[in-house]
């Protein structure tokens, strides 16, 4: 079942909020969060999808002990960048 735009956007926003840079959402992403926080945000796959959605860059995901790190070039450094 496909989600309507508003519902999908809300899911992306919730997931992206877990990893977006504090400085500016378009900056490079380098966030380590607990696995619990990732699940609360919709799961690792949802966060990966949100990063692609908002930044047009593909994240690297690295699992640690009880945590997961997301890195990505971010919007400004990516193909859609305006900076």
Protein backbone atom coordinates (compact mmCIF):
# COMPACT_ATOMS: atom_id res chain seq x y z
CA UNK A 1 0.00 0.00 0.00
CA UNK A 2 1.36 3.39 -0.99
CA UNK A 3 1.23 6.14 1.59
CA UNK A 4 -0.12 9.54 0.69
CA UNK A 5 2.41 12.36 0.40
CA UNK A 6 1.73 13.94 3.79
CA UNK A 7 2.00 10.62 5.62
CA UNK A 8 5.23 9.68 3.84
CA UNK A 9 6.71 13.14 4.44
CA UNK A 10 5.88 12.87 8.14
CA UNK A 11 7.66 9.49 8.32
CA UNK A 12 10.72 10.90 6.52
CA UNK A 13 10.79 13.93 8.82
CA UNK A 14 10.61 11.82 11.98
CA UNK A 15 13.46 9.60 10.73
CA UNK A 16 15.63 12.50 9.51
CA UNK A 17 15.20 14.39 12.78
CA UNK A 18 17.15 11.59 14.50
CA UNK A 19 20.31 12.30 12.49
CA UNK A 20 20.13 15.75 10.95
CA UNK A 21 23.04 18.07 11.73
CA UNK A 22 22.42 20.59 14.49
CA UNK A 23 24.17 23.30 12.47
CA UNK A 24 21.90 23.09 9.40
CA UNK A 25 19.91 20.27 7.84
CA UNK A 26 21.87 20.68 4.58
CA UNK A 27 25.28 20.09 6.23
CA UNK A 28 27.25 16.85 6.21
CA UNK A 29 25.67 14.13 8.32
CA UNK A 30 27.74 12.35 10.93
CA UNK A 31 25.46 11.06 13.65
CA UNK A 32 25.73 8.15 16.03
CA UNK A 33 22.51 7.17 17.77
CA UNK A 34 21.45 4.25 19.90
CA UNK A 35 19.72 1.33 18.23
CA UNK A 36 16.72 2.15 20.41
CA UNK A 37 16.64 5.71 19.06
CA UNK A 38 16.89 4.37 15.52
CA UNK A 39 13.90 2.12 16.13
CA UNK A 40 11.93 4.98 17.67
CA UNK A 41 12.64 7.00 14.52
CA UNK A 42 11.23 4.23 12.32
CA UNK A 43 14.24 1.96 11.95
CA UNK A 44 17.61 2.08 10.23
CA UNK A 45 16.11 1.58 6.77
CA UNK A 46 13.68 4.46 7.35
CA UNK A 47 16.54 6.74 8.40
CA UNK A 48 18.56 5.74 5.33
CA UNK A 49 15.56 6.47 3.12
CA UNK A 50 14.98 9.84 4.81
CA UNK A 51 18.61 10.86 4.27
CA UNK A 52 18.30 10.07 0.56
CA UNK A 53 14.95 11.88 0.42
CA UNK A 54 16.14 15.10 2.06
CA UNK A 55 19.75 15.28 0.86
CA UNK A 56 19.92 13.29 -2.41
CA UNK A 57 23.00 11.57 -0.96
CA UNK A 58 23.40 7.93 0.03
CA UNK A 59 24.41 7.36 3.64
CA UNK A 60 26.99 4.96 4.99
CA UNK A 61 25.69 2.98 7.95
CA UNK A 62 28.06 1.50 10.51
CA UNK A 63 26.84 -0.60 13.40
CA UNK A 64 28.54 -0.42 16.77
CA UNK A 65 27.75 -2.02 20.10
CA UNK A 66 24.25 -0.79 20.84
CA UNK A 67 24.48 2.07 18.35
CA UNK A 68 24.50 2.92 14.69
CA UNK A 69 26.41 5.67 12.88
CA UNK A 70 25.09 7.44 9.79
CA UNK A 71 27.39 9.48 7.58
CA UNK A 72 26.49 11.22 4.33
CA UNK A 73 27.78 14.11 2.27
CA UNK A 74 24.62 16.09 2.94
CA UNK A 75 22.52 18.26 0.68
CA UNK A 76 25.04 21.02 0.01
CA UNK A 77 27.80 18.61 -1.05
CA UNK A 78 25.45 16.34 -2.99
CA UNK A 79 24.07 16.48 -6.52
CA UNK A 80 21.15 18.69 -5.53
CA UNK A 81 23.36 21.08 -3.55
CA UNK A 82 23.00 24.80 -3.78
CA UNK A 83 25.96 25.88 -1.73
